Amino acid sequence: MTELRQKLESCYTSVLHDVMRGAGLRNFTLPPRIRALSPEGVLTGPAFTIEGRIDETASAHETLLAWTGLLSKAKPGHIWISQPHNHIIAQMGELSAETLKAKGVLGCVVDGALRDTNFILRLGFPCWGTHNTPRDVVGMWMPTATEVPILIDDVLIRPGDWLHGDRDGMIVIAHERLDEIAEAGVAAMSKESLVRKAILSGMDPQQAYLQHGKF
């Protein structure tokens, strides 16, 4: 897994996207509303999936008990990814990020809000979300499932599927095709380097494309 992660960390998201598009795959790009809090670097790893919903009948104690239990289930070496079915309250904050980082979780992706963002930035824990808000889960939100397939718009994310994101956005790679896509991504970057070299040496861009089959 370490060798595979190193190989993928060398790939930028756009080239993996192009490889997957060329393989005839569809619906694998997360919507642009989900952005990295800090766009530097690459977040890549297998998915630990979470689903939940607003529940205003739950008490503060019930929601905090459920939330801390959810943190306890998070898997080291995985990316926490949540479909919370709301954009009202934050799905990640300072103490939770501290907890996940200490557990060896690689990062967090939520189709929802973040809070305590200055603390999270100083912590250096990669978090992706749609926006920021001070509102939290207390008395408002309950997890309903972990390690189940979730949908973010038209993108299916199953437990163990691979997430890969950088400044350009994030894609989801089905775990069955991970090795194939990683190898093809590395090969595509090598070919792009040849095209880049040709263009910088003065070759016409169309001729560079025709010669190398890549642009």
N, C-alpha and C. Protein backbone atom coordinates (compact mmCIF):
# COMPACT_ATOMS: atom_id res chain seq x y z
N MET A 1 0.83 -1.21 0.00
CA MET A 1 0.00 0.00 0.00
C MET A 1 0.86 1.25 0.00
N THR A 2 2.00 1.22 0.71
CA THR A 2 2.87 2.39 0.75
C THR A 2 3.41 2.72 -0.63
N GLU A 3 3.85 1.70 -1.37
CA GLU A 3 4.36 1.92 -2.72
C GLU A 3 3.29 2.48 -3.64
N LEU A 4 2.07 1.96 -3.51
CA LEU A 4 0.96 2.44 -4.32
C LEU A 4 0.65 3.89 -3.99
N ARG A 5 0.63 4.22 -2.68
CA ARG A 5 0.34 5.60 -2.28
C ARG A 5 1.41 6.55 -2.81
N GLN A 6 2.68 6.14 -2.75
CA GLN A 6 3.76 6.98 -3.26
C GLN A 6 3.59 7.22 -4.76
N LYS A 7 3.18 6.17 -5.46
CA LYS A 7 2.97 6.29 -6.90
C LYS A 7 1.85 7.27 -7.19
N LEU A 8 0.76 7.18 -6.42
CA LEU A 8 -0.37 8.07 -6.65
C LEU A 8 -0.07 9.49 -6.20
N GLU A 9 0.71 9.65 -5.15
CA GLU A 9 1.07 11.00 -4.70
C GLU A 9 1.87 11.75 -5.75
N SER A 10 2.52 11.00 -6.64
CA SER A 10 3.29 11.65 -7.72
C SER A 10 2.38 12.08 -8.87
N CYS A 11 1.12 11.63 -8.85
CA CYS A 11 0.20 11.94 -9.94
C CYS A 11 -0.69 13.12 -9.58
N TYR A 12 -0.87 14.03 -10.50
CA TYR A 12 -1.84 15.10 -10.26
C TYR A 12 -3.22 14.63 -10.70
N THR A 13 -4.22 15.20 -10.07
CA THR A 13 -5.59 14.71 -10.24
C THR A 13 -6.04 14.77 -11.69
N SER A 14 -5.64 15.82 -12.40
CA SER A 14 -6.10 15.97 -13.79
C SER A 14 -5.66 14.82 -14.68
N VAL A 15 -4.43 14.33 -14.48
CA VAL A 15 -3.96 13.25 -15.35
C VAL A 15 -4.70 11.95 -15.02
N LEU A 16 -5.00 11.72 -13.74
CA LEU A 16 -5.78 10.53 -13.39
C LEU A 16 -7.20 10.64 -13.94
N HIS A 17 -7.76 11.85 -13.88
CA HIS A 17 -9.08 12.07 -14.47
C HIS A 17 -9.07 11.69 -15.95
N ASP A 18 -8.03 12.16 -16.67
CA ASP A 18 -7.97 11.89 -18.11
C ASP A 18 -7.83 10.41 -18.40
N VAL A 19 -7.06 9.71 -17.58
CA VAL A 19 -6.91 8.27 -17.73
C VAL A 19 -8.26 7.58 -17.55
N MET A 20 -8.99 7.98 -16.53
CA MET A 20 -10.28 7.35 -16.25
C MET A 20 -11.31 7.68 -17.32
N ARG A 21 -11.31 8.93 -17.77
CA ARG A 21 -12.20 9.30 -18.88
C ARG A 21 -11.88 8.47 -20.12
N GLY A 22 -10.58 8.30 -20.41
CA GLY A 22 -10.17 7.51 -21.56
C GLY A 22 -10.55 6.04 -21.45
N ALA A 23 -10.69 5.57 -20.21
CA ALA A 23 -11.09 4.18 -19.99
C ALA A 23 -12.61 4.01 -20.05
N GLY A 24 -13.32 5.11 -20.35
CA GLY A 24 -14.77 5.04 -20.47
C GLY A 24 -15.52 5.16 -19.16
N LEU A 25 -14.84 5.53 -18.08
CA LEU A 25 -15.50 5.67 -16.78
C LEU A 25 -16.23 7.01 -16.69
N ARG A 26 -17.27 7.06 -15.88
CA ARG A 26 -18.05 8.27 -15.71
C ARG A 26 -18.42 8.45 -14.24
N ASN A 27 -18.83 9.66 -13.89
CA ASN A 27 -19.35 9.96 -12.56
C ASN A 27 -18.35 9.60 -11.45
N PHE A 28 -17.15 10.15 -11.60
CA PHE A 28 -16.12 9.87 -10.59
C PHE A 28 -15.48 11.13 -10.04
N THR A 29 -15.97 12.32 -10.44
CA THR A 29 -15.41 13.59 -9.99
C THR A 29 -16.34 14.24 -8.98
N LEU A 30 -15.84 14.51 -7.78
CA LEU A 30 -16.67 15.17 -6.77
C LEU A 30 -17.04 16.58 -7.23
N PRO A 31 -18.22 17.08 -6.84
CA PRO A 31 -18.66 18.40 -7.30
C PRO A 31 -17.72 19.51 -6.83
N PRO A 32 -17.60 20.58 -7.61
CA PRO A 32 -16.63 21.63 -7.30
C PRO A 32 -16.93 22.40 -6.01
N ARG A 33 -18.14 22.23 -5.46
CA ARG A 33 -18.42 22.90 -4.18
C ARG A 33 -17.56 22.33 -3.05
N ILE A 34 -17.06 21.11 -3.22
CA ILE A 34 -16.20 20.49 -2.19
C ILE A 34 -14.76 20.85 -2.50
N ARG A 35 -14.19 21.70 -1.66
CA ARG A 35 -12.86 22.23 -1.90
C ARG A 35 -11.96 22.01 -0.69
N ALA A 36 -10.66 21.95 -0.96
CA ALA A 36 -9.68 21.79 0.11
C ALA A 36 -9.57 23.08 0.91
N LEU A 37 -9.57 22.95 2.24
CA LEU A 37 -9.35 24.11 3.09
C LEU A 37 -7.99 24.72 2.81
N SER A 38 -7.00 23.86 2.64
CA SER A 38 -5.67 24.29 2.20
C SER A 38 -5.35 23.52 0.93
N PRO A 39 -5.21 24.19 -0.22
CA PRO A 39 -5.08 23.47 -1.49
C PRO A 39 -3.68 22.94 -1.77
N GLU A 40 -2.74 23.15 -0.87
CA GLU A 40 -1.40 22.64 -1.10
C GLU A 40 -1.37 21.11 -0.94
N GLY A 41 -0.54 20.46 -1.74
CA GLY A 41 -0.32 19.02 -1.58
C GLY A 41 -1.42 18.17 -2.18
N VAL A 42 -1.30 16.87 -1.94
CA VAL A 42 -2.22 15.86 -2.46
C VAL A 42 -2.80 15.07 -1.30
N LEU A 43 -4.10 14.86 -1.31
CA LEU A 43 -4.75 13.95 -0.35
C LEU A 43 -5.16 12.71 -1.11
N THR A 44 -4.60 11.57 -0.74
CA THR A 44 -4.88 10.33 -1.47
C THR A 44 -4.93 9.16 -0.49
N GLY A 45 -5.94 8.32 -0.64
CA GLY A 45 -6.07 7.17 0.24
C GLY A 45 -7.45 6.54 0.16
N PRO A 46 -7.65 5.40 0.83
CA PRO A 46 -8.93 4.70 0.80
C PRO A 46 -9.98 5.38 1.66
N ALA A 47 -11.23 5.17 1.30
CA ALA A 47 -12.35 5.85 1.94
C ALA A 47 -12.88 5.10 3.16
N PHE A 48 -13.09 5.86 4.24
CA PHE A 48 -13.91 5.42 5.37
C PHE A 48 -15.19 6.24 5.28
N THR A 49 -16.30 5.60 4.95
CA THR A 49 -17.52 6.32 4.60
C THR A 49 -18.46 6.48 5.78
N ILE A 50 -19.16 7.63 5.79
CA ILE A 50 -20.09 7.99 6.86
C ILE A 50 -21.34 8.59 6.24
N GLU A 51 -22.48 8.29 6.85
CA GLU A 51 -23.74 8.92 6.44
C GLU A 51 -24.48 9.37 7.69
N GLY A 52 -25.25 10.44 7.57
CA GLY A 52 -26.01 10.92 8.71
C GLY A 52 -27.08 11.90 8.28
N ARG A 53 -27.86 12.37 9.25
CA ARG A 53 -28.96 13.29 8.95
C ARG A 53 -29.22 14.22 10.13
N ILE A 54 -29.82 15.35 9.82
CA ILE A 54 -30.30 16.27 10.85
C ILE A 54 -31.33 15.55 11.71
N ASP A 55 -31.23 15.71 13.05
CA ASP A 55 -32.21 15.15 13.97
C ASP A 55 -32.35 16.12 15.15
N GLU A 56 -33.31 17.02 15.05
CA GLU A 56 -33.49 18.04 16.08
C GLU A 56 -34.22 17.50 17.30
N THR A 57 -34.61 16.23 17.27
CA THR A 57 -35.22 15.63 18.47
C THR A 57 -34.16 15.05 19.40
N ALA A 58 -32.93 14.91 18.89
CA ALA A 58 -31.86 14.32 19.70
C ALA A 58 -31.33 15.35 20.71
N SER A 59 -30.99 14.87 21.88
CA SER A 59 -30.44 15.75 22.91
C SER A 59 -28.96 16.04 22.64
N ALA A 60 -28.44 17.04 23.32
CA ALA A 60 -27.02 17.35 23.20
C ALA A 60 -26.18 16.12 23.57
N HIS A 61 -26.58 15.43 24.66
CA HIS A 61 -25.84 14.25 25.10
C HIS A 61 -25.88 13.15 24.03
N GLU A 62 -27.05 12.91 23.45
CA GLU A 62 -27.18 11.86 22.44
C GLU A 62 -26.31 12.15 21.22
N THR A 63 -26.32 13.39 20.78
CA THR A 63 -25.53 13.72 19.59
C THR A 63 -24.04 13.63 19.88
N LEU A 64 -23.60 14.10 21.03
CA LEU A 64 -22.17 14.03 21.36
C LEU A 64 -21.72 12.60 21.60
N LEU A 65 -22.58 11.78 22.19
CA LEU A 65 -22.25 10.37 22.38
C LEU A 65 -22.09 9.68 21.02
N ALA A 66 -23.01 9.98 20.12
CA ALA A 66 -22.95 9.38 18.78
C ALA A 66 -21.73 9.90 18.02
N TRP A 67 -21.43 11.19 18.15
CA TRP A 67 -20.30 11.76 17.42
C TRP A 67 -18.97 11.19 17.90
N THR A 68 -18.79 11.12 19.22
CA THR A 68 -17.53 10.58 19.73
C THR A 68 -17.41 9.10 19.40
N GLY A 69 -18.52 8.39 19.37
CA GLY A 69 -18.50 7.00 18.93
C GLY A 69 -18.09 6.87 17.48
N LEU A 70 -18.54 7.82 16.67
CA LEU A 70 -18.17 7.84 15.26
C LEU A 70 -16.66 8.06 15.10
N LEU A 71 -16.11 8.99 15.85
CA LEU A 71 -14.67 9.23 15.81
C LEU A 71 -13.89 7.98 16.21
N SER A 72 -14.43 7.23 17.17
CA SER A 72 -13.75 6.02 17.63
C SER A 72 -13.66 4.96 16.54
N LYS A 73 -14.62 4.98 15.60
CA LYS A 73 -14.66 3.96 14.54
C LYS A 73 -13.73 4.28 13.37
N ALA A 74 -13.24 5.51 13.29
CA ALA A 74 -12.44 5.93 12.13
C ALA A 74 -11.20 5.06 11.98
N LYS A 75 -10.86 4.75 10.74
CA LYS A 75 -9.77 3.83 10.45
C LYS A 75 -8.46 4.55 10.16
N PRO A 76 -7.38 4.19 10.83
CA PRO A 76 -6.07 4.74 10.47
C PRO A 76 -5.75 4.41 9.01
N GLY A 77 -5.01 5.32 8.35
CA GLY A 77 -4.63 5.09 6.97
C GLY A 77 -5.75 5.26 5.97
N HIS A 78 -6.88 5.82 6.41
CA HIS A 78 -8.03 6.05 5.55
C HIS A 78 -8.39 7.54 5.55
N ILE A 79 -9.24 7.90 4.60
CA ILE A 79 -9.79 9.26 4.54
C ILE A 79 -11.24 9.21 4.99
N TRP A 80 -11.56 10.02 5.97
CA TRP A 80 -12.93 10.17 6.47
C TRP A 80 -13.72 10.92 5.40
N ILE A 81 -14.78 10.30 4.87
CA ILE A 81 -15.62 11.00 3.89
C ILE A 81 -17.08 10.84 4.28
N SER A 82 -17.78 11.97 4.35
CA SER A 82 -19.13 11.98 4.92
C SER A 82 -20.14 12.61 3.98
N GLN A 83 -21.31 11.95 3.89
CA GLN A 83 -22.49 12.53 3.28
C GLN A 83 -23.47 12.83 4.43
N PRO A 84 -23.43 14.06 4.97
CA PRO A 84 -24.24 14.38 6.14
C PRO A 84 -25.67 14.79 5.82
N HIS A 85 -25.98 14.96 4.54
CA HIS A 85 -27.32 15.37 4.10
C HIS A 85 -27.75 16.68 4.73
N ASN A 86 -26.80 17.60 4.88
CA ASN A 86 -27.16 18.95 5.31
C ASN A 86 -26.00 19.89 5.04
N HIS A 87 -26.34 21.17 4.85
CA HIS A 87 -25.32 22.20 4.71
C HIS A 87 -25.54 23.28 5.78
N ILE A 88 -26.13 22.87 6.90
CA ILE A 88 -26.46 23.82 7.96
C ILE A 88 -25.36 23.87 9.02
N ILE A 89 -24.85 22.69 9.37
CA ILE A 89 -23.93 22.60 10.50
C ILE A 89 -22.59 22.02 10.07
N ALA A 90 -21.57 22.32 10.85
CA ALA A 90 -20.22 21.84 10.53
C ALA A 90 -20.10 20.36 10.83
N GLN A 91 -19.36 19.68 9.97
CA GLN A 91 -19.12 18.24 10.11
C GLN A 91 -17.69 17.92 10.52
N MET A 92 -16.89 18.95 10.79
CA MET A 92 -15.54 18.73 11.29
C MET A 92 -15.07 20.00 11.97
N GLY A 93 -14.45 19.83 13.14
CA GLY A 93 -13.90 20.96 13.88
C GLY A 93 -12.58 20.58 14.51
N GLU A 94 -12.07 21.48 15.35
CA GLU A 94 -10.71 21.32 15.88
C GLU A 94 -10.51 20.02 16.65
N LEU A 95 -11.33 19.77 17.67
CA LEU A 95 -11.10 18.59 18.52
C LEU A 95 -11.25 17.30 17.72
N SER A 96 -12.21 17.29 16.82
CA SER A 96 -12.41 16.09 15.99
C SER A 96 -11.22 15.89 15.05
N ALA A 97 -10.73 16.97 14.46
CA ALA A 97 -9.57 16.86 13.59
C ALA A 97 -8.34 16.40 14.37
N GLU A 98 -8.16 16.94 15.59
CA GLU A 98 -7.05 16.49 16.44
C GLU A 98 -7.15 15.00 16.71
N THR A 99 -8.36 14.55 17.01
CA THR A 99 -8.58 13.13 17.31
C THR A 99 -8.25 12.25 16.11
N LEU A 100 -8.76 12.64 14.94
CA LEU A 100 -8.54 11.83 13.74
C LEU A 100 -7.07 11.80 13.35
N LYS A 101 -6.41 12.95 13.44
CA LYS A 101 -4.98 12.98 13.10
C LYS A 101 -4.19 12.07 14.04
N ALA A 102 -4.52 12.12 15.33
CA ALA A 102 -3.82 11.28 16.31
C ALA A 102 -4.05 9.79 16.05
N LYS A 103 -5.20 9.45 15.46
CA LYS A 103 -5.52 8.06 15.14
C LYS A 103 -4.85 7.60 13.84
N GLY A 104 -4.23 8.51 13.11
CA GLY A 104 -3.60 8.14 11.85
C GLY A 104 -4.50 8.25 10.64
N VAL A 105 -5.64 8.94 10.80
CA VAL A 105 -6.52 9.19 9.65
C VAL A 105 -5.83 10.20 8.74
N LEU A 106 -5.94 10.02 7.43
CA LEU A 106 -5.17 10.81 6.47
C LEU A 106 -5.76 12.19 6.23
N GLY A 107 -7.07 12.31 6.35
CA GLY A 107 -7.73 13.57 6.07
C GLY A 107 -9.23 13.40 6.11
N CYS A 108 -9.94 14.47 5.80
CA CYS A 108 -11.40 14.51 5.94
C CYS A 108 -12.01 15.17 4.72
N VAL A 109 -13.07 14.57 4.18
CA VAL A 109 -13.82 15.14 3.06
C VAL A 109 -15.30 15.09 3.45
N VAL A 110 -15.97 16.25 3.43
CA VAL A 110 -17.38 16.28 3.80
C VAL A 110 -18.17 17.06 2.76
N ASP A 111 -19.35 16.56 2.43
CA ASP A 111 -20.27 17.32 1.59
C ASP A 111 -21.06 18.23 2.53
N GLY A 112 -20.34 19.11 3.18
CA GLY A 112 -20.92 19.98 4.19
C GLY A 112 -19.85 20.91 4.74
N ALA A 113 -20.13 21.49 5.89
CA ALA A 113 -19.32 22.59 6.40
C ALA A 113 -18.20 22.13 7.33
N LEU A 114 -17.23 23.04 7.49
CA LEU A 114 -16.14 22.90 8.45
C LEU A 114 -16.22 24.06 9.44
N ARG A 115 -15.61 23.88 10.62
CA ARG A 115 -15.49 24.99 11.56
C ARG A 115 -14.13 24.90 12.26
N ASP A 116 -13.82 25.90 13.07
CA ASP A 116 -12.51 25.97 13.73
C ASP A 116 -11.39 25.90 12.69
N THR A 117 -11.60 26.55 11.57
CA THR A 117 -10.71 26.34 10.43
C THR A 117 -9.30 26.87 10.66
N ASN A 118 -9.15 27.96 11.43
CA ASN A 118 -7.80 28.43 11.72
C ASN A 118 -7.01 27.40 12.51
N PHE A 119 -7.69 26.74 13.46
CA PHE A 119 -7.04 25.68 14.24
C PHE A 119 -6.66 24.51 13.33
N ILE A 120 -7.58 24.13 12.44
CA ILE A 120 -7.33 22.99 11.54
C ILE A 120 -6.16 23.29 10.61
N LEU A 121 -6.09 24.53 10.12
CA LEU A 121 -4.97 24.91 9.26
C LEU A 121 -3.64 24.82 10.00
N ARG A 122 -3.63 25.28 11.25
CA ARG A 122 -2.39 25.19 12.03
C ARG A 122 -2.03 23.74 12.34
N LEU A 123 -3.06 22.92 12.52
CA LEU A 123 -2.84 21.51 12.80
C LEU A 123 -2.25 20.78 11.60
N GLY A 124 -2.58 21.25 10.41
CA GLY A 124 -2.08 20.60 9.20
C GLY A 124 -2.82 19.32 8.84
N PHE A 125 -4.07 19.21 9.30
CA PHE A 125 -4.88 18.03 8.97
C PHE A 125 -5.70 18.37 7.72
N PRO A 126 -5.50 17.65 6.61
CA PRO A 126 -6.20 18.00 5.37
C PRO A 126 -7.71 17.83 5.50
N CYS A 127 -8.45 18.91 5.26
CA CYS A 127 -9.91 18.88 5.33
C CYS A 127 -10.49 19.51 4.07
N TRP A 128 -11.51 18.86 3.55
CA TRP A 128 -12.24 19.35 2.38
C TRP A 128 -13.70 19.53 2.78
N GLY A 129 -14.32 20.61 2.34
CA GLY A 129 -15.72 20.84 2.63
C GLY A 129 -16.30 21.87 1.68
N THR A 130 -17.57 22.22 1.91
CA THR A 130 -18.26 23.14 1.01
C THR A 130 -18.19 24.58 1.48
N HIS A 131 -18.11 24.80 2.79
CA HIS A 131 -18.09 26.15 3.35
C HIS A 131 -17.74 26.05 4.82
N ASN A 132 -17.68 27.17 5.49
CA ASN A 132 -17.40 27.21 6.93
C ASN A 132 -18.58 27.79 7.68
N THR A 133 -18.78 27.32 8.90
CA THR A 133 -19.82 27.86 9.77
C THR A 133 -19.44 27.56 11.21
N PRO A 134 -19.84 28.41 12.17
CA PRO A 134 -19.58 28.10 13.58
C PRO A 134 -20.54 27.08 14.16
N ARG A 135 -21.64 26.78 13.48
CA ARG A 135 -22.64 25.85 14.03
C ARG A 135 -22.10 24.42 14.06
N ASP A 136 -22.40 23.69 15.13
CA ASP A 136 -21.89 22.32 15.26
C ASP A 136 -23.02 21.30 15.33
N VAL A 137 -22.64 20.04 15.58
CA VAL A 137 -23.61 18.94 15.52
C VAL A 137 -24.46 18.81 16.77
N VAL A 138 -24.11 19.52 17.83
CA VAL A 138 -24.73 19.31 19.14
C VAL A 138 -26.24 19.58 19.09
N GLY A 139 -27.00 18.56 19.44
CA GLY A 139 -28.46 18.68 19.44
C GLY A 139 -29.06 18.83 18.06
N MET A 140 -28.28 18.50 17.01
CA MET A 140 -28.75 18.77 15.64
C MET A 140 -28.56 17.62 14.66
N TRP A 141 -27.56 16.77 14.88
CA TRP A 141 -27.21 15.82 13.81
C TRP A 141 -26.78 14.50 14.41
N MET A 142 -27.17 13.40 13.71
CA MET A 142 -26.81 12.05 14.16
C MET A 142 -26.26 11.25 12.98
N PRO A 143 -25.19 10.49 13.20
CA PRO A 143 -24.75 9.55 12.17
C PRO A 143 -25.75 8.41 12.05
N THR A 144 -25.94 7.93 10.84
CA THR A 144 -26.86 6.81 10.62
C THR A 144 -26.16 5.54 10.17
N ALA A 145 -24.94 5.66 9.60
CA ALA A 145 -24.23 4.46 9.13
C ALA A 145 -22.77 4.80 8.87
N THR A 146 -21.93 3.78 9.01
CA THR A 146 -20.53 3.88 8.59
C THR A 146 -20.20 2.67 7.72
N GLU A 147 -19.16 2.84 6.92
CA GLU A 147 -18.70 1.76 6.03
C GLU A 147 -19.83 1.22 5.15
N VAL A 148 -20.58 2.17 4.56
CA VAL A 148 -21.62 1.85 3.59
C VAL A 148 -21.38 2.69 2.34
N PRO A 149 -21.90 2.26 1.18
CA PRO A 149 -21.80 3.12 0.00
C PRO A 149 -22.56 4.43 0.22
N ILE A 150 -21.96 5.54 -0.18
CA ILE A 150 -22.63 6.83 -0.09
C ILE A 150 -22.60 7.50 -1.46
N LEU A 151 -23.52 8.45 -1.65
CA LEU A 151 -23.58 9.21 -2.89
C LEU A 151 -23.34 10.68 -2.60
N ILE A 152 -22.45 11.29 -3.37
CA ILE A 152 -22.29 12.73 -3.37
C ILE A 152 -22.62 13.18 -4.79
N ASP A 153 -23.80 13.78 -4.95
CA ASP A 153 -24.39 14.02 -6.27
C ASP A 153 -24.44 12.69 -7.02
N ASP A 154 -23.78 12.59 -8.18
CA ASP A 154 -23.85 11.34 -8.96
C ASP A 154 -22.63 10.46 -8.76
N VAL A 155 -21.83 10.75 -7.74
CA VAL A 155 -20.60 10.00 -7.51
C VAL A 155 -20.81 9.00 -6.37
N LEU A 156 -20.62 7.74 -6.68
CA LEU A 156 -20.73 6.67 -5.68
C LEU A 156 -19.37 6.46 -5.03
N ILE A 157 -19.36 6.46 -3.69
CA ILE A 157 -18.13 6.15 -2.94
C ILE A 157 -18.42 4.97 -2.04
N ARG A 158 -17.70 3.89 -2.26
CA ARG A 158 -17.85 2.70 -1.42
C ARG A 158 -16.69 2.61 -0.44
N PRO A 159 -16.89 1.92 0.67
CA PRO A 159 -15.78 1.73 1.61
C PRO A 159 -14.58 1.12 0.88
N GLY A 160 -13.42 1.75 1.05
CA GLY A 160 -12.21 1.23 0.42
C GLY A 160 -11.93 1.77 -0.96
N ASP A 161 -12.93 2.43 -1.59
CA ASP A 161 -12.61 3.11 -2.85
C ASP A 161 -11.58 4.20 -2.58
N TRP A 162 -10.83 4.56 -3.62
CA TRP A 162 -9.69 5.46 -3.42
C TRP A 162 -10.07 6.90 -3.77
N LEU A 163 -9.75 7.81 -2.86
CA LEU A 163 -9.96 9.23 -3.07
C LEU A 163 -8.62 9.87 -3.43
N HIS A 164 -8.65 10.77 -4.40
CA HIS A 164 -7.41 11.44 -4.81
C HIS A 164 -7.75 12.88 -5.17
N GLY A 165 -7.15 13.83 -4.42
CA GLY A 165 -7.48 15.22 -4.66
C GLY A 165 -6.30 16.15 -4.49
N ASP A 166 -6.34 17.26 -5.25
CA ASP A 166 -5.37 18.33 -5.11
C ASP A 166 -6.09 19.64 -5.43
N ARG A 167 -5.34 20.67 -5.77
CA ARG A 167 -5.93 21.98 -5.99
C ARG A 167 -7.02 21.96 -7.07
N ASP A 168 -6.96 21.04 -8.01
CA ASP A 168 -7.93 20.98 -9.10
C ASP A 168 -9.26 20.34 -8.71
N GLY A 169 -9.29 19.58 -7.62
CA GLY A 169 -10.50 18.88 -7.22
C GLY A 169 -10.19 17.47 -6.79
N MET A 170 -11.23 16.65 -6.63
CA MET A 170 -11.05 15.29 -6.13
C MET A 170 -11.82 14.30 -6.99
N ILE A 171 -11.19 13.14 -7.21
CA ILE A 171 -11.82 12.06 -7.95
C ILE A 171 -11.89 10.82 -7.05
N VAL A 172 -12.74 9.88 -7.46
CA VAL A 172 -12.92 8.62 -6.75
C VAL A 172 -12.57 7.49 -7.70
N ILE A 173 -11.66 6.62 -7.27
CA ILE A 173 -11.23 5.49 -8.09
C ILE A 173 -11.74 4.20 -7.44
N ALA A 174 -12.52 3.42 -8.17
CA ALA A 174 -13.01 2.14 -7.66
C ALA A 174 -11.83 1.27 -7.26
N HIS A 175 -11.92 0.65 -6.09
CA HIS A 175 -10.76 -0.09 -5.58
C HIS A 175 -10.34 -1.23 -6.50
N GLU A 176 -11.29 -1.78 -7.28
CA GLU A 176 -10.95 -2.88 -8.19
C GLU A 176 -10.01 -2.43 -9.32
N ARG A 177 -10.02 -1.13 -9.62
CA ARG A 177 -9.25 -0.63 -10.77
C ARG A 177 -8.08 0.24 -10.34
N LEU A 178 -7.77 0.23 -9.06
CA LEU A 178 -6.77 1.16 -8.54
C LEU A 178 -5.39 0.94 -9.14
N ASP A 179 -4.91 -0.30 -9.15
CA ASP A 179 -3.58 -0.57 -9.69
C ASP A 179 -3.50 -0.16 -11.16
N GLU A 180 -4.52 -0.52 -11.91
CA GLU A 180 -4.56 -0.20 -13.35
C GLU A 180 -4.51 1.32 -13.57
N ILE A 181 -5.32 2.07 -12.82
CA ILE A 181 -5.38 3.52 -12.99
C ILE A 181 -4.07 4.17 -12.55
N ALA A 182 -3.50 3.69 -11.46
CA ALA A 182 -2.24 4.25 -10.98
C ALA A 182 -1.13 4.07 -12.00
N GLU A 183 -1.01 2.86 -12.55
CA GLU A 183 0.02 2.60 -13.55
C GLU A 183 -0.19 3.46 -14.79
N ALA A 184 -1.44 3.55 -15.22
CA ALA A 184 -1.74 4.36 -16.41
C ALA A 184 -1.47 5.83 -16.16
N GLY A 185 -1.72 6.29 -14.93
CA GLY A 185 -1.46 7.69 -14.59
C GLY A 185 0.02 8.02 -14.67
N VAL A 186 0.86 7.15 -14.13
CA VAL A 186 2.31 7.36 -14.20
C VAL A 186 2.78 7.38 -15.65
N ALA A 187 2.26 6.45 -16.45
CA ALA A 187 2.63 6.39 -17.87
C ALA A 187 2.18 7.65 -18.61
N ALA A 188 0.97 8.14 -18.28
CA ALA A 188 0.46 9.34 -18.95
C ALA A 188 1.29 10.56 -18.61
N MET A 189 1.77 10.65 -17.37
CA MET A 189 2.62 11.78 -17.00
C MET A 189 3.94 11.74 -17.76
N SER A 190 4.48 10.56 -17.96
CA SER A 190 5.72 10.43 -18.73
C SER A 190 5.51 10.90 -20.17
N LYS A 191 4.35 10.55 -20.75
CA LYS A 191 4.07 10.97 -22.12
C LYS A 191 3.84 12.47 -22.18
N GLU A 192 3.17 13.03 -21.17
CA GLU A 192 2.98 14.48 -21.13
C GLU A 192 4.32 15.20 -21.08
N SER A 193 5.28 14.61 -20.38
CA SER A 193 6.60 15.23 -20.30
C SER A 193 7.26 15.30 -21.67
N LEU A 194 7.03 14.27 -22.49
CA LEU A 194 7.56 14.28 -23.85
C LEU A 194 6.91 15.38 -24.69
N VAL A 195 5.60 15.53 -24.54
CA VAL A 195 4.88 16.59 -25.26
C VAL A 195 5.38 17.96 -24.81
N ARG A 196 5.52 18.14 -23.52
CA ARG A 196 6.01 19.42 -22.98
C ARG A 196 7.40 19.75 -23.53
N LYS A 197 8.27 18.74 -23.54
CA LYS A 197 9.63 18.93 -24.04
C LYS A 197 9.60 19.32 -25.52
N ALA A 198 8.73 18.65 -26.28
CA ALA A 198 8.62 18.94 -27.71
C ALA A 198 8.16 20.38 -27.94
N ILE A 199 7.15 20.81 -27.19
CA ILE A 199 6.62 22.17 -27.36
C ILE A 199 7.65 23.21 -26.97
N LEU A 200 8.35 22.96 -25.86
CA LEU A 200 9.37 23.91 -25.41
C LEU A 200 10.55 24.00 -26.37
N SER A 201 10.73 22.93 -27.14
CA SER A 201 11.82 22.94 -28.13
C SER A 201 11.38 23.58 -29.45
N GLY A 202 10.11 23.99 -29.54
CA GLY A 202 9.63 24.72 -30.70
C GLY A 202 8.69 23.96 -31.61
N MET A 203 8.36 22.71 -31.29
CA MET A 203 7.46 21.94 -32.15
C MET A 203 6.05 22.52 -32.10
N ASP A 204 5.39 22.51 -33.24
CA ASP A 204 3.98 22.92 -33.31
C ASP A 204 3.14 22.05 -32.39
N PRO A 205 2.20 22.63 -31.62
CA PRO A 205 1.43 21.82 -30.67
C PRO A 205 0.63 20.71 -31.32
N GLN A 206 0.09 20.97 -32.51
CA GLN A 206 -0.67 19.91 -33.18
C GLN A 206 0.25 18.77 -33.61
N GLN A 207 1.44 19.12 -34.08
CA GLN A 207 2.40 18.10 -34.45
C GLN A 207 2.85 17.29 -33.23
N ALA A 208 3.01 17.99 -32.09
CA ALA A 208 3.39 17.30 -30.85
C ALA A 208 2.29 16.32 -30.44
N TYR A 209 1.04 16.75 -30.59
CA TYR A 209 -0.07 15.85 -30.28
C TYR A 209 -0.08 14.64 -31.21
N LEU A 210 0.08 14.88 -32.52
CA LEU A 210 0.06 13.78 -33.48
C LEU A 210 1.22 12.81 -33.26
N GLN A 211 2.35 13.34 -32.85
CA GLN A 211 3.51 12.49 -32.66
C GLN A 211 3.40 11.64 -31.41
N HIS A 212 2.85 12.24 -30.33
CA HIS A 212 2.85 11.54 -29.04
C HIS A 212 1.46 11.04 -28.61
N GLY A 213 0.41 11.48 -29.33
CA GLY A 213 -0.94 11.02 -28.98
C GLY A 213 -1.43 11.51 -27.65
N LYS A 214 -0.92 12.67 -27.22
CA LYS A 214 -1.28 13.19 -25.90
C LYS A 214 -1.17 14.70 -25.93
N PHE A 215 -2.13 15.37 -25.25
CA PHE A 215 -2.02 16.81 -25.07
C PHE A 215 -2.85 17.21 -23.86
